[in-house]
Amino acid sequence: METPILNTINQPADLKKLSVDELTKLAAEIRYVLLNKVRPNWRACWS
């Protein structure tokens, strides 16, 4: 998954420029990135 909106965020003011639809898409991008960073190490944390 590409993260085109997330890639444009450099400071808090950038968030204020986004529409509600773009914020929803940004949330999905953030969720995707976080899950893909955590998921590979998830089992290692519990073993």
PDB file of N, CA and C in Angstrom:
ATOM      1  N   MET A   1       0.848  -1.184   0.000  1.00  0.00           N
ATOM      2  CA  MET A   1       0.000   0.000   0.000  1.00  0.00           C
ATOM      3  C   MET A   1       0.892   1.246   0.000  1.00  0.00           C
ATOM      4  N   GLU A   2       0.568   2.144  -0.849  1.00  0.00           N
ATOM      5  CA  GLU A   2       1.259   3.425  -0.878  1.00  0.00           C
ATOM      6  C   GLU A   2       0.698   4.322   0.221  1.00  0.00           C
ATOM      7  N   THR A   3       1.471   5.288   0.642  1.00  0.00           N
ATOM      8  CA  THR A   3       1.019   6.226   1.677  1.00  0.00           C
ATOM      9  C   THR A   3       1.180   7.660   1.183  1.00  0.00           C
ATOM     10  N   PRO A   4       0.423   8.021   0.138  1.00  0.00           N
ATOM     11  CA  PRO A   4       0.618   9.344  -0.461  1.00  0.00           C
ATOM     12  C   PRO A   4       0.284  10.511   0.466  1.00  0.00           C
ATOM     13  N   ILE A   5      -0.718  10.362   1.293  1.00  0.00           N
ATOM     14  CA  ILE A   5      -1.077  11.465   2.193  1.00  0.00           C
ATOM     15  C   ILE A   5      -0.072  11.544   3.337  1.00  0.00           C
ATOM     16  N   LEU A   6       0.252  10.411   3.919  1.00  0.00           N
ATOM     17  CA  LEU A   6       1.212  10.387   5.022  1.00  0.00           C
ATOM     18  C   LEU A   6       2.553  10.979   4.589  1.00  0.00           C
ATOM     19  N   ASN A   7       2.938  10.727   3.366  1.00  0.00           N
ATOM     20  CA  ASN A   7       4.217  11.235   2.858  1.00  0.00           C
ATOM     21  C   ASN A   7       4.241  12.752   2.734  1.00  0.00           C
ATOM     22  N   THR A   8       3.076  13.388   2.748  1.00  0.00           N
ATOM     23  CA  THR A   8       3.027  14.851   2.613  1.00  0.00           C
ATOM     24  C   THR A   8       2.998  15.565   3.958  1.00  0.00           C
ATOM     25  N   ILE A   9       2.882  14.819   5.047  1.00  0.00           N
ATOM     26  CA  ILE A   9       2.781  15.423   6.381  1.00  0.00           C
ATOM     27  C   ILE A   9       4.180  15.635   6.944  1.00  0.00           C
ATOM     28  N   ASN A  10       4.524  16.903   7.158  1.00  0.00           N
ATOM     29  CA  ASN A  10       5.834  17.240   7.719  1.00  0.00           C
ATOM     30  C   ASN A  10       5.728  18.000   9.031  1.00  0.00           C
ATOM     31  N   GLN A  11       4.569  18.586   9.274  1.00  0.00           N
ATOM     32  CA  GLN A  11       4.363  19.354  10.504  1.00  0.00           C
ATOM     33  C   GLN A  11       2.864  19.386  10.810  1.00  0.00           C
ATOM     34  N   PRO A  12       2.491  19.700  12.037  1.00  0.00           N
ATOM     35  CA  PRO A  12       1.075  19.707  12.421  1.00  0.00           C
ATOM     36  C   PRO A  12       0.190  20.575  11.521  1.00  0.00           C
ATOM     37  N   ALA A  13       0.712  21.660  11.024  1.00  0.00           N
ATOM     38  CA  ALA A  13      -0.085  22.551  10.171  1.00  0.00           C
ATOM     39  C   ALA A  13      -0.556  21.840   8.904  1.00  0.00           C
ATOM     40  N   ASP A  14       0.197  20.842   8.456  1.00  0.00           N
ATOM     41  CA  ASP A  14      -0.197  20.094   7.261  1.00  0.00           C
ATOM     42  C   ASP A  14      -1.513  19.350   7.476  1.00  0.00           C
ATOM     43  N   LEU A  15      -1.757  18.914   8.693  1.00  0.00           N
ATOM     44  CA  LEU A  15      -3.002  18.205   9.000  1.00  0.00           C
ATOM     45  C   LEU A  15      -4.223  19.110   8.877  1.00  0.00           C
ATOM     46  N   LYS A  16      -4.061  20.360   9.225  1.00  0.00           N
ATOM     47  CA  LYS A  16      -5.169  21.308   9.171  1.00  0.00           C
ATOM     48  C   LYS A  16      -5.640  21.561   7.746  1.00  0.00           C
ATOM     49  N   LYS A  17      -4.791  21.310   6.776  1.00  0.00           N
ATOM     50  CA  LYS A  17      -5.128  21.544   5.376  1.00  0.00           C
ATOM     51  C   LYS A  17      -5.924  20.403   4.761  1.00  0.00           C
ATOM     52  N   LEU A  18      -6.015  19.288   5.453  1.00  0.00           N
ATOM     53  CA  LEU A  18      -6.671  18.104   4.903  1.00  0.00           C
ATOM     54  C   LEU A  18      -8.178  18.149   5.099  1.00  0.00           C
ATOM     55  N   SER A  19      -8.898  17.595   4.131  1.00  0.00           N
ATOM     56  CA  SER A  19     -10.352  17.465   4.241  1.00  0.00           C
ATOM     57  C   SER A  19     -10.679  16.269   5.137  1.00  0.00           C
ATOM     58  N   VAL A  20     -11.931  16.132   5.495  1.00  0.00           N
ATOM     59  CA  VAL A  20     -12.356  15.002   6.336  1.00  0.00           C
ATOM     60  C   VAL A  20     -12.083  13.689   5.609  1.00  0.00           C
ATOM     61  N   ASP A  21     -12.334  13.663   4.313  1.00  0.00           N
ATOM     62  CA  ASP A  21     -12.075  12.455   3.529  1.00  0.00           C
ATOM     63  C   ASP A  21     -10.585  12.113   3.532  1.00  0.00           C
ATOM     64  N   GLU A  22      -9.746  13.113   3.381  1.00  0.00           N
ATOM     65  CA  GLU A  22      -8.305  12.887   3.403  1.00  0.00           C
ATOM     66  C   GLU A  22      -7.829  12.444   4.773  1.00  0.00           C
ATOM     67  N   LEU A  23      -8.427  12.974   5.836  1.00  0.00           N
ATOM     68  CA  LEU A  23      -8.061  12.546   7.193  1.00  0.00           C
ATOM     69  C   LEU A  23      -8.422  11.081   7.413  1.00  0.00           C
ATOM     70  N   THR A  24      -9.553  10.667   6.870  1.00  0.00           N
ATOM     71  CA  THR A  24      -9.963   9.260   6.974  1.00  0.00           C
ATOM     72  C   THR A  24      -8.966   8.366   6.248  1.00  0.00           C
ATOM     73  N   LYS A  25      -8.552   8.790   5.064  1.00  0.00           N
ATOM     74  CA  LYS A  25      -7.560   8.020   4.310  1.00  0.00           C
ATOM     75  C   LYS A  25      -6.213   8.020   5.027  1.00  0.00           C
ATOM     76  N   LEU A  26      -5.857   9.136   5.630  1.00  0.00           N
ATOM     77  CA  LEU A  26      -4.609   9.225   6.390  1.00  0.00           C
ATOM     78  C   LEU A  26      -4.627   8.248   7.563  1.00  0.00           C
ATOM     79  N   ALA A  27      -5.751   8.164   8.241  1.00  0.00           N
ATOM     80  CA  ALA A  27      -5.870   7.225   9.360  1.00  0.00           C
ATOM     81  C   ALA A  27      -5.647   5.794   8.889  1.00  0.00           C
ATOM     82  N   ALA A  28      -6.185   5.445   7.730  1.00  0.00           N
ATOM     83  CA  ALA A  28      -5.987   4.105   7.174  1.00  0.00           C
ATOM     84  C   ALA A  28      -4.513   3.872   6.834  1.00  0.00           C
ATOM     85  N   GLU A  29      -3.861   4.884   6.295  1.00  0.00           N
ATOM     86  CA  GLU A  29      -2.436   4.764   5.967  1.00  0.00           C
ATOM     87  C   GLU A  29      -1.601   4.558   7.231  1.00  0.00           C
ATOM     88  N   ILE A  30      -1.898   5.315   8.266  1.00  0.00           N
ATOM     89  CA  ILE A  30      -1.156   5.191   9.527  1.00  0.00           C
ATOM     90  C   ILE A  30      -1.371   3.805  10.127  1.00  0.00           C
ATOM     91  N   ARG A  31      -2.613   3.349  10.107  1.00  0.00           N
ATOM     92  CA  ARG A  31      -2.945   2.023  10.635  1.00  0.00           C
ATOM     93  C   ARG A  31      -2.155   0.950   9.872  1.00  0.00           C
ATOM     94  N   TYR A  32      -2.115   1.062   8.563  1.00  0.00           N
ATOM     95  CA  TYR A  32      -1.393   0.101   7.727  1.00  0.00           C
ATOM     96  C   TYR A  32       0.092   0.068   8.085  1.00  0.00           C
ATOM     97  N   VAL A  33       0.695   1.237   8.181  1.00  0.00           N
ATOM     98  CA  VAL A  33       2.126   1.318   8.493  1.00  0.00           C
ATOM     99  C   VAL A  33       2.410   0.727   9.873  1.00  0.00           C
ATOM    100  N   LEU A  34       1.613   1.096  10.852  1.00  0.00           N
ATOM    101  CA  LEU A  34       1.844   0.588  12.209  1.00  0.00           C
ATOM    102  C   LEU A  34       1.712  -0.926  12.281  1.00  0.00           C
ATOM    103  N   LEU A  35       0.647  -1.460  11.689  1.00  0.00           N
ATOM    104  CA  LEU A  35       0.446  -2.909  11.739  1.00  0.00           C
ATOM    105  C   LEU A  35       1.558  -3.659  11.017  1.00  0.00           C
ATOM    106  N   ASN A  36       2.047  -3.113   9.942  1.00  0.00           N
ATOM    107  CA  ASN A  36       3.108  -3.795   9.204  1.00  0.00           C
ATOM    108  C   ASN A  36       4.460  -3.673   9.885  1.00  0.00           C
ATOM    109  N   LYS A  37       4.632  -2.707  10.754  1.00  0.00           N
ATOM    110  CA  LYS A  37       5.868  -2.601  11.538  1.00  0.00           C
ATOM    111  C   LYS A  37       5.816  -3.520  12.763  1.00  0.00           C
ATOM    112  N   VAL A  38       4.649  -3.640  13.370  1.00  0.00           N
ATOM    113  CA  VAL A  38       4.496  -4.413  14.601  1.00  0.00           C
ATOM    114  C   VAL A  38       4.296  -5.893  14.322  1.00  0.00           C
ATOM    115  N   ARG A  39       3.530  -6.218  13.326  1.00  0.00           N
ATOM    116  CA  ARG A  39       3.144  -7.606  13.057  1.00  0.00           C
ATOM    117  C   ARG A  39       4.334  -8.563  12.927  1.00  0.00           C
ATOM    118  N   PRO A  40       5.397  -8.236  12.190  1.00  0.00           N
ATOM    119  CA  PRO A  40       6.515  -9.193  12.063  1.00  0.00           C
ATOM    120  C   PRO A  40       7.180  -9.530  13.406  1.00  0.00           C
ATOM    121  N   ASN A  41       7.119  -8.643  14.362  1.00  0.00           N
ATOM    122  CA  ASN A  41       7.779  -8.860  15.655  1.00  0.00           C
ATOM    123  C   ASN A  41       6.813  -9.290  16.752  1.00  0.00           C
ATOM    124  N   TRP A  42       5.552  -9.407  16.441  1.00  0.00           N
ATOM    125  CA  TRP A  42       4.534  -9.689  17.449  1.00  0.00           C
ATOM    126  C   TRP A  42       4.812 -11.000  18.190  1.00  0.00           C
ATOM    127  N   ARG A  43       5.069 -12.068  17.491  1.00  0.00           N
ATOM    128  CA  ARG A  43       5.299 -13.362  18.139  1.00  0.00           C
ATOM    129  C   ARG A  43       6.587 -13.355  18.966  1.00  0.00           C
ATOM    130  N   ALA A  44       7.588 -12.644  18.522  1.00  0.00           N
ATOM    131  CA  ALA A  44       8.853 -12.580  19.248  1.00  0.00           C
ATOM    132  C   ALA A  44       8.668 -11.955  20.623  1.00  0.00           C
ATOM    133  N   CYS A  45       7.718 -11.051  20.728  1.00  0.00           N
ATOM    134  CA  CYS A  45       7.464 -10.374  22.016  1.00  0.00           C
ATOM    135  C   CYS A  45       6.839 -11.338  23.023  1.00  0.00           C
ATOM    136  N   TRP A  46       6.134 -12.359  22.539  1.00  0.00           N
ATOM    137  CA  TRP A  46       5.398 -13.242  23.443  1.00  0.00           C
ATOM    138  C   TRP A  46       6.073 -14.602  23.622  1.00  0.00           C
ATOM    139  N   SER A  47       7.235 -14.780  23.063  1.00  0.00           N
ATOM    140  CA  SER A  47       7.868 -16.100  23.238  1.00  0.00           C
ATOM    141  C   SER A  47       9.018 -16.036  24.209  1.00  0.00           C
TER     142      SER A  47
END
